[in-house]
Amino acid sequence: MADNNMAARFARTIRNLLVPLPVVPSCDEDVDPEIRRVEQAIARLPKRTREVFMMHRFDDLGYDHIAYRLDMSEKAVEQEMVRVLRAIRKAREDHAREFSK
């Protein structure tokens, strides 16, 4: 049950990053190819990077709390978030490039 809840929260977070709330499809609808691409990009990141992202986006933890929990500096947390956001941006750009063809 917890895994399903986490998966739903993850999909909802990705949708919120990509689309304003009124346009977000319900969880019952097919997943948008752009969202799927972003999910795959995040899944390919190193485990620690994904942990930082999930703690920040799902648990609403600040960089200082994440740094404390993972025994790393706040600057390292910031760098991990930059890595995730770059991966998301690249996935979206790749999708847009394919979609425009």
N, C-alpha and C. Protein backbone atom coordinates (compact mmCIF):
# COMPACT_ATOMS: atom_id res chain seq x y z
N MET A 1 0.83 -1.19 0.00
CA MET A 1 0.00 0.00 0.00
C MET A 1 0.87 1.25 0.00
N ALA A 2 1.93 1.24 0.80
CA ALA A 2 2.80 2.40 0.88
C ALA A 2 3.48 2.67 -0.46
N ASP A 3 3.85 1.61 -1.19
CA ASP A 3 4.49 1.79 -2.49
C ASP A 3 3.54 2.44 -3.49
N ASN A 4 2.26 2.02 -3.46
CA ASN A 4 1.28 2.62 -4.36
C ASN A 4 1.08 4.09 -4.04
N ASN A 5 1.03 4.41 -2.75
CA ASN A 5 0.87 5.80 -2.33
C ASN A 5 2.07 6.62 -2.78
N MET A 6 3.28 6.10 -2.62
CA MET A 6 4.50 6.80 -3.03
C MET A 6 4.51 7.00 -4.54
N ALA A 7 4.10 5.98 -5.29
CA ALA A 7 4.07 6.09 -6.75
C ALA A 7 3.06 7.16 -7.18
N ALA A 8 1.92 7.20 -6.53
CA ALA A 8 0.91 8.21 -6.87
C ALA A 8 1.43 9.60 -6.54
N ARG A 9 2.09 9.75 -5.39
CA ARG A 9 2.65 11.06 -5.02
C ARG A 9 3.73 11.47 -6.00
N PHE A 10 4.55 10.51 -6.43
CA PHE A 10 5.62 10.80 -7.38
C PHE A 10 5.02 11.28 -8.70
N ALA A 11 4.03 10.56 -9.22
CA ALA A 11 3.40 10.96 -10.48
C ALA A 11 2.75 12.32 -10.36
N ARG A 12 2.09 12.57 -9.22
CA ARG A 12 1.44 13.86 -9.00
C ARG A 12 2.47 14.98 -8.97
N THR A 13 3.62 14.75 -8.32
CA THR A 13 4.67 15.77 -8.26
C THR A 13 5.21 16.07 -9.65
N ILE A 14 5.46 15.04 -10.43
CA ILE A 14 5.96 15.24 -11.79
C ILE A 14 4.93 16.02 -12.61
N ARG A 15 3.67 15.65 -12.49
CA ARG A 15 2.62 16.38 -13.22
C ARG A 15 2.57 17.85 -12.81
N ASN A 16 2.72 18.11 -11.52
CA ASN A 16 2.70 19.49 -11.04
C ASN A 16 3.89 20.28 -11.57
N LEU A 17 5.02 19.62 -11.79
CA LEU A 17 6.18 20.31 -12.36
C LEU A 17 5.96 20.66 -13.82
N LEU A 18 5.15 19.85 -14.50
CA LEU A 18 5.01 20.00 -15.95
C LEU A 18 3.78 20.80 -16.38
N VAL A 19 2.69 20.69 -15.63
CA VAL A 19 1.42 21.24 -16.09
C VAL A 19 0.74 21.99 -14.94
N PRO A 20 0.14 23.13 -15.21
CA PRO A 20 -0.64 23.80 -14.16
C PRO A 20 -1.77 22.88 -13.68
N LEU A 21 -2.14 22.99 -12.42
CA LEU A 21 -3.11 22.09 -11.81
C LEU A 21 -4.41 21.90 -12.56
N PRO A 22 -5.08 22.93 -13.11
CA PRO A 22 -6.37 22.68 -13.77
C PRO A 22 -6.28 21.75 -14.96
N VAL A 23 -5.10 21.59 -15.57
CA VAL A 23 -4.95 20.78 -16.76
C VAL A 23 -4.43 19.38 -16.44
N VAL A 24 -4.04 19.14 -15.21
CA VAL A 24 -3.44 17.85 -14.84
C VAL A 24 -4.47 16.74 -15.01
N PRO A 25 -4.12 15.68 -15.76
CA PRO A 25 -5.06 14.58 -15.91
C PRO A 25 -5.20 13.81 -14.60
N SER A 26 -6.33 13.15 -14.42
CA SER A 26 -6.50 12.36 -13.21
C SER A 26 -5.56 11.16 -13.26
N CYS A 27 -5.31 10.57 -12.12
CA CYS A 27 -4.38 9.44 -12.04
C CYS A 27 -4.90 8.22 -12.80
N ASP A 28 -6.21 8.19 -13.10
CA ASP A 28 -6.79 7.05 -13.80
C ASP A 28 -6.52 7.09 -15.30
N GLU A 29 -6.21 8.27 -15.82
CA GLU A 29 -5.97 8.40 -17.26
C GLU A 29 -4.59 7.88 -17.61
N ASP A 30 -4.38 7.62 -18.91
CA ASP A 30 -3.06 7.19 -19.36
C ASP A 30 -2.04 8.26 -19.06
N VAL A 31 -0.84 7.83 -18.74
CA VAL A 31 0.22 8.77 -18.40
C VAL A 31 0.72 9.44 -19.67
N ASP A 32 0.83 10.73 -19.61
CA ASP A 32 1.34 11.53 -20.72
C ASP A 32 2.76 11.07 -21.06
N PRO A 33 3.11 10.99 -22.35
CA PRO A 33 4.45 10.56 -22.73
C PRO A 33 5.55 11.47 -22.16
N GLU A 34 5.25 12.75 -22.02
CA GLU A 34 6.24 13.67 -21.44
C GLU A 34 6.50 13.33 -19.98
N ILE A 35 5.45 13.02 -19.25
CA ILE A 35 5.60 12.65 -17.84
C ILE A 35 6.38 11.35 -17.74
N ARG A 36 6.05 10.40 -18.58
CA ARG A 36 6.76 9.12 -18.58
C ARG A 36 8.26 9.36 -18.84
N ARG A 37 8.57 10.24 -19.78
CA ARG A 37 9.97 10.51 -20.10
C ARG A 37 10.69 11.14 -18.91
N VAL A 38 10.02 12.05 -18.21
CA VAL A 38 10.61 12.68 -17.03
C VAL A 38 10.82 11.65 -15.93
N GLU A 39 9.83 10.79 -15.72
CA GLU A 39 9.97 9.74 -14.71
C GLU A 39 11.16 8.84 -15.02
N GLN A 40 11.33 8.49 -16.29
CA GLN A 40 12.46 7.65 -16.68
C GLN A 40 13.80 8.36 -16.47
N ALA A 41 13.83 9.65 -16.76
CA ALA A 41 15.06 10.42 -16.56
C ALA A 41 15.44 10.44 -15.09
N ILE A 42 14.47 10.61 -14.22
CA ILE A 42 14.73 10.63 -12.78
C ILE A 42 15.15 9.24 -12.31
N ALA A 43 14.53 8.21 -12.84
CA ALA A 43 14.87 6.84 -12.45
C ALA A 43 16.30 6.48 -12.81
N ARG A 44 16.84 7.08 -13.87
CA ARG A 44 18.21 6.79 -14.29
C ARG A 44 19.27 7.50 -13.45
N LEU A 45 18.85 8.45 -12.63
CA LEU A 45 19.81 9.18 -11.80
C LEU A 45 20.34 8.29 -10.68
N PRO A 46 21.49 8.64 -10.12
CA PRO A 46 22.03 7.86 -8.99
C PRO A 46 21.06 7.85 -7.81
N LYS A 47 21.13 6.80 -7.02
CA LYS A 47 20.21 6.61 -5.90
C LYS A 47 20.19 7.80 -4.96
N ARG A 48 21.34 8.31 -4.60
CA ARG A 48 21.41 9.42 -3.65
C ARG A 48 20.72 10.67 -4.22
N THR A 49 20.90 10.90 -5.51
CA THR A 49 20.27 12.05 -6.16
C THR A 49 18.76 11.92 -6.10
N ARG A 50 18.26 10.71 -6.38
CA ARG A 50 16.81 10.48 -6.29
C ARG A 50 16.31 10.66 -4.86
N GLU A 51 17.09 10.20 -3.88
CA GLU A 51 16.70 10.36 -2.48
C GLU A 51 16.56 11.83 -2.12
N VAL A 52 17.53 12.63 -2.53
CA VAL A 52 17.48 14.07 -2.25
C VAL A 52 16.23 14.67 -2.88
N PHE A 53 15.97 14.34 -4.13
CA PHE A 53 14.80 14.87 -4.83
C PHE A 53 13.51 14.48 -4.11
N MET A 54 13.39 13.21 -3.75
CA MET A 54 12.16 12.74 -3.12
C MET A 54 11.97 13.35 -1.73
N MET A 55 13.05 13.49 -0.99
CA MET A 55 12.94 14.10 0.34
C MET A 55 12.52 15.56 0.22
N HIS A 56 13.05 16.24 -0.79
CA HIS A 56 12.73 17.65 -0.96
C HIS A 56 11.30 17.84 -1.48
N ARG A 57 10.92 17.07 -2.51
CA ARG A 57 9.62 17.26 -3.15
C ARG A 57 8.47 16.56 -2.42
N PHE A 58 8.71 15.38 -1.87
CA PHE A 58 7.63 14.62 -1.23
C PHE A 58 7.51 14.90 0.26
N ASP A 59 8.65 15.00 0.92
CA ASP A 59 8.63 15.20 2.37
C ASP A 59 8.71 16.67 2.75
N ASP A 60 8.83 17.55 1.75
CA ASP A 60 8.92 19.00 1.96
C ASP A 60 10.05 19.37 2.92
N LEU A 61 11.16 18.67 2.83
CA LEU A 61 12.30 18.98 3.69
C LEU A 61 13.18 20.02 3.03
N GLY A 62 13.71 20.90 3.83
CA GLY A 62 14.66 21.89 3.35
C GLY A 62 16.03 21.26 3.15
N TYR A 63 16.88 21.97 2.44
CA TYR A 63 18.21 21.45 2.16
C TYR A 63 18.98 21.13 3.45
N ASP A 64 18.78 21.95 4.48
CA ASP A 64 19.50 21.72 5.74
C ASP A 64 19.08 20.40 6.39
N HIS A 65 17.79 20.09 6.37
CA HIS A 65 17.31 18.83 6.96
C HIS A 65 17.77 17.62 6.14
N ILE A 66 17.74 17.77 4.83
CA ILE A 66 18.20 16.68 3.96
C ILE A 66 19.68 16.44 4.20
N ALA A 67 20.44 17.51 4.27
CA ALA A 67 21.88 17.38 4.51
C ALA A 67 22.15 16.65 5.82
N TYR A 68 21.41 17.00 6.84
CA TYR A 68 21.59 16.36 8.15
C TYR A 68 21.26 14.87 8.06
N ARG A 69 20.12 14.54 7.44
CA ARG A 69 19.69 13.14 7.35
C ARG A 69 20.64 12.28 6.53
N LEU A 70 21.20 12.85 5.47
CA LEU A 70 22.07 12.07 4.58
C LEU A 70 23.55 12.29 4.87
N ASP A 71 23.84 13.06 5.92
CA ASP A 71 25.22 13.31 6.33
C ASP A 71 26.04 13.87 5.16
N MET A 72 25.54 14.97 4.62
CA MET A 72 26.23 15.65 3.53
C MET A 72 26.06 17.16 3.73
N SER A 73 26.79 17.94 2.98
CA SER A 73 26.68 19.39 3.13
C SER A 73 25.44 19.91 2.40
N GLU A 74 25.00 21.09 2.82
CA GLU A 74 23.86 21.71 2.13
C GLU A 74 24.21 22.00 0.67
N LYS A 75 25.45 22.36 0.43
CA LYS A 75 25.90 22.64 -0.94
C LYS A 75 25.79 21.38 -1.80
N ALA A 76 26.13 20.22 -1.22
CA ALA A 76 26.01 18.95 -1.96
C ALA A 76 24.54 18.65 -2.26
N VAL A 77 23.66 18.94 -1.33
CA VAL A 77 22.22 18.76 -1.56
C VAL A 77 21.78 19.65 -2.71
N GLU A 78 22.21 20.88 -2.68
CA GLU A 78 21.87 21.82 -3.75
C GLU A 78 22.36 21.31 -5.11
N GLN A 79 23.57 20.78 -5.14
CA GLN A 79 24.12 20.26 -6.40
C GLN A 79 23.32 19.05 -6.90
N GLU A 80 22.87 18.22 -5.97
CA GLU A 80 22.05 17.08 -6.37
C GLU A 80 20.71 17.54 -6.95
N MET A 81 20.12 18.57 -6.35
CA MET A 81 18.86 19.10 -6.87
C MET A 81 19.07 19.71 -8.26
N VAL A 82 20.18 20.38 -8.45
CA VAL A 82 20.48 20.94 -9.77
C VAL A 82 20.59 19.81 -10.80
N ARG A 83 21.20 18.70 -10.40
CA ARG A 83 21.34 17.55 -11.30
C ARG A 83 19.96 17.02 -11.70
N VAL A 84 19.06 16.91 -10.73
CA VAL A 84 17.70 16.42 -11.02
C VAL A 84 16.97 17.38 -11.94
N LEU A 85 17.02 18.66 -11.63
CA LEU A 85 16.30 19.64 -12.43
C LEU A 85 16.85 19.73 -13.85
N ARG A 86 18.15 19.55 -14.01
CA ARG A 86 18.73 19.51 -15.37
C ARG A 86 18.22 18.29 -16.12
N ALA A 87 18.14 17.14 -15.44
CA ALA A 87 17.64 15.93 -16.08
C ALA A 87 16.19 16.11 -16.51
N ILE A 88 15.39 16.74 -15.66
CA ILE A 88 13.99 17.00 -16.00
C ILE A 88 13.89 17.94 -17.19
N ARG A 89 14.68 19.01 -17.17
CA ARG A 89 14.65 19.96 -18.28
C ARG A 89 15.06 19.28 -19.59
N LYS A 90 16.12 18.47 -19.54
CA LYS A 90 16.58 17.79 -20.75
C LYS A 90 15.52 16.82 -21.26
N ALA A 91 14.88 16.10 -20.37
CA ALA A 91 13.82 15.16 -20.78
C ALA A 91 12.68 15.92 -21.45
N ARG A 92 12.31 17.05 -20.89
CA ARG A 92 11.23 17.86 -21.48
C ARG A 92 11.64 18.42 -22.84
N GLU A 93 12.89 18.88 -22.96
CA GLU A 93 13.37 19.41 -24.23
C GLU A 93 13.41 18.31 -25.28
N ASP A 94 13.88 17.11 -24.89
CA ASP A 94 13.92 15.99 -25.83
C ASP A 94 12.51 15.63 -26.30
N HIS A 95 11.57 15.63 -25.36
CA HIS A 95 10.18 15.33 -25.72
C HIS A 95 9.65 16.40 -26.69
N ALA A 96 9.89 17.64 -26.40
CA ALA A 96 9.40 18.74 -27.26
C ALA A 96 10.02 18.64 -28.65
N ARG A 97 11.29 18.29 -28.71
CA ARG A 97 11.97 18.16 -30.01
C ARG A 97 11.35 17.02 -30.81
N GLU A 98 11.08 15.90 -30.17
CA GLU A 98 10.46 14.77 -30.87
C GLU A 98 9.03 15.09 -31.27
N PHE A 99 8.31 15.77 -30.39
CA PHE A 99 6.91 16.08 -30.64
C PHE A 99 6.76 17.07 -31.80
N SER A 100 7.74 17.95 -31.98
CA SER A 100 7.63 18.99 -33.01
C SER A 100 7.99 18.45 -34.40
N LYS A 101 8.50 17.25 -34.49
CA LYS A 101 8.89 16.70 -35.79
C LYS A 101 7.71 16.28 -36.60
